[in-house]
Amino acid sequence: MPRTMTANGKTPPTIQATFEDALAKLPDGYVDGYFGNRSWGVTVKRSQDGKRTWLYGEELGGTDIVSFNLYRFAGRGSALNPCEMSSAKVIEFVLGFEPSTEKAASRP
């Protein structure tokens, strides 16, 4: 199946690449932000070797959560392992999460 091309003739990035790019832009540690017009607190941890990224997010004042591990394999791409939720939910969250521009206060 041929890949779709944009009006300028370039192939758009895959959803996986767009997801990983958005994830890479999130800072390590805790950050407040917004997703779906709701406040969220998100913690991101990355392994020293860069092979694993862990994210846990919870809706502040609500009950929703997002949690996953992303593993990177040399020469074989990556594997997304959501924690008891769909990959679609994880991808939608990472693509739509907007970190607060204010400096986040430290969390215990």
Protein backbone atom coordinates (compact mmCIF):
# COMPACT_ATOMS: atom_id res chain seq x y z
CA MET A 1 0.00 0.00 0.00
CA PRO A 2 1.54 3.37 -0.99
CA ARG A 3 2.08 5.97 1.69
CA THR A 4 0.04 9.17 1.59
CA MET A 5 1.80 12.31 0.44
CA THR A 6 1.10 15.90 1.46
CA ALA A 7 0.52 18.76 -0.96
CA ASN A 8 4.24 19.59 -0.92
CA GLY A 9 5.09 16.03 -2.00
CA LYS A 10 6.53 14.89 1.31
CA THR A 11 5.40 11.80 3.19
CA PRO A 12 3.81 12.74 6.54
CA PRO A 13 5.30 11.22 9.67
CA THR A 14 3.71 8.07 11.02
CA ILE A 15 1.50 8.25 14.11
CA GLN A 16 4.23 6.37 16.01
CA ALA A 17 6.86 8.94 14.99
CA THR A 18 4.55 11.84 15.87
CA PHE A 19 3.78 10.21 19.24
CA GLU A 20 7.46 9.63 20.04
CA ASP A 21 8.32 13.21 19.05
CA ALA A 22 5.60 14.61 21.35
CA LEU A 23 6.77 12.34 24.19
CA ALA A 24 10.39 13.45 23.72
CA LYS A 25 9.30 17.08 24.19
CA LEU A 26 7.84 16.39 27.65
CA PRO A 27 10.27 17.23 30.45
CA ASP A 28 11.64 14.67 32.89
CA GLY A 29 9.98 14.70 36.27
CA TYR A 30 6.63 16.17 37.24
CA VAL A 31 4.70 18.76 35.25
CA ASP A 32 1.17 20.15 35.48
CA GLY A 33 -0.79 20.66 32.32
CA TYR A 34 -4.06 20.28 30.46
CA PHE A 35 -5.70 17.60 28.38
CA GLY A 36 -9.26 17.88 27.15
CA ASN A 37 -9.82 21.13 29.11
CA ARG A 38 -9.02 19.30 32.37
CA SER A 39 -6.04 19.72 34.69
CA TRP A 40 -3.53 16.87 34.80
CA GLY A 41 -0.37 16.05 36.69
CA VAL A 42 2.17 14.04 34.69
CA THR A 43 5.43 12.38 35.71
CA VAL A 44 7.93 11.24 33.07
CA LYS A 45 10.99 9.12 33.84
CA ARG A 46 13.61 8.07 31.31
CA SER A 47 16.24 5.38 31.80
CA GLN A 48 19.86 6.53 31.65
CA ASP A 49 20.48 4.47 28.52
CA GLY A 50 17.43 6.00 26.78
CA LYS A 51 15.84 2.62 26.12
CA ARG A 52 12.80 3.09 28.38
CA THR A 53 10.42 5.97 28.99
CA TRP A 54 7.76 5.71 31.68
CA LEU A 55 4.80 8.10 31.96
CA TYR A 56 2.12 8.29 34.62
CA GLY A 57 -0.55 10.97 34.43
CA GLU A 58 -3.59 11.59 36.56
CA GLU A 59 -6.48 13.95 36.17
CA LEU A 60 -6.29 16.46 39.00
CA GLY A 61 -9.64 16.56 40.79
CA GLY A 62 -10.87 13.59 38.76
CA THR A 63 -10.40 9.86 38.41
CA ASP A 64 -8.83 9.35 34.98
CA ILE A 65 -5.25 8.13 34.58
CA VAL A 66 -2.78 7.38 31.78
CA SER A 67 0.19 5.07 32.33
CA PHE A 68 2.62 3.34 30.00
CA ASN A 69 6.18 2.28 29.24
CA LEU A 70 7.83 2.84 25.88
CA TYR A 71 10.77 0.54 25.10
CA ARG A 72 13.26 1.27 22.31
CA PHE A 73 15.12 -1.59 20.63
CA ALA A 74 18.31 -1.17 18.63
CA GLY A 75 17.45 -1.66 14.97
CA ARG A 76 13.92 -2.91 15.72
CA GLY A 77 12.02 0.25 16.56
CA SER A 78 10.03 0.57 19.74
CA ALA A 79 7.25 -1.09 21.72
CA LEU A 80 4.48 0.78 23.52
CA ASN A 81 3.17 -1.03 26.60
CA PRO A 82 0.11 0.72 28.07
CA CYS A 83 -0.85 -0.18 31.64
CA GLU A 84 -4.42 -1.54 31.57
CA MET A 85 -5.65 0.82 28.83
CA SER A 86 -5.60 1.00 25.06
CA SER A 87 -2.67 2.24 23.01
CA ALA A 88 -5.09 4.65 21.34
CA LYS A 89 -5.84 6.31 24.70
CA VAL A 90 -2.12 6.69 25.45
CA ILE A 91 -1.33 8.13 22.01
CA GLU A 92 -4.28 10.54 22.14
CA PHE A 93 -3.15 11.74 25.58
CA VAL A 94 0.48 12.34 24.67
CA LEU A 95 -0.45 14.12 21.43
CA GLY A 96 -3.04 16.31 23.19
CA PHE A 97 -1.36 17.03 26.54
CA GLU A 98 -0.28 20.66 26.95
CA PRO A 99 2.21 21.25 29.76
CA SER A 100 1.63 24.39 31.80
CA THR A 101 3.91 27.28 30.93
CA GLU A 102 4.27 28.12 34.61
CA LYS A 103 7.07 26.47 36.55
CA ALA A 104 5.62 23.40 38.26
CA ALA A 105 5.87 23.27 42.02
CA SER A 106 7.73 20.33 43.50
CA ARG A 107 5.61 17.37 44.44
CA PRO A 108 6.35 15.04 47.29
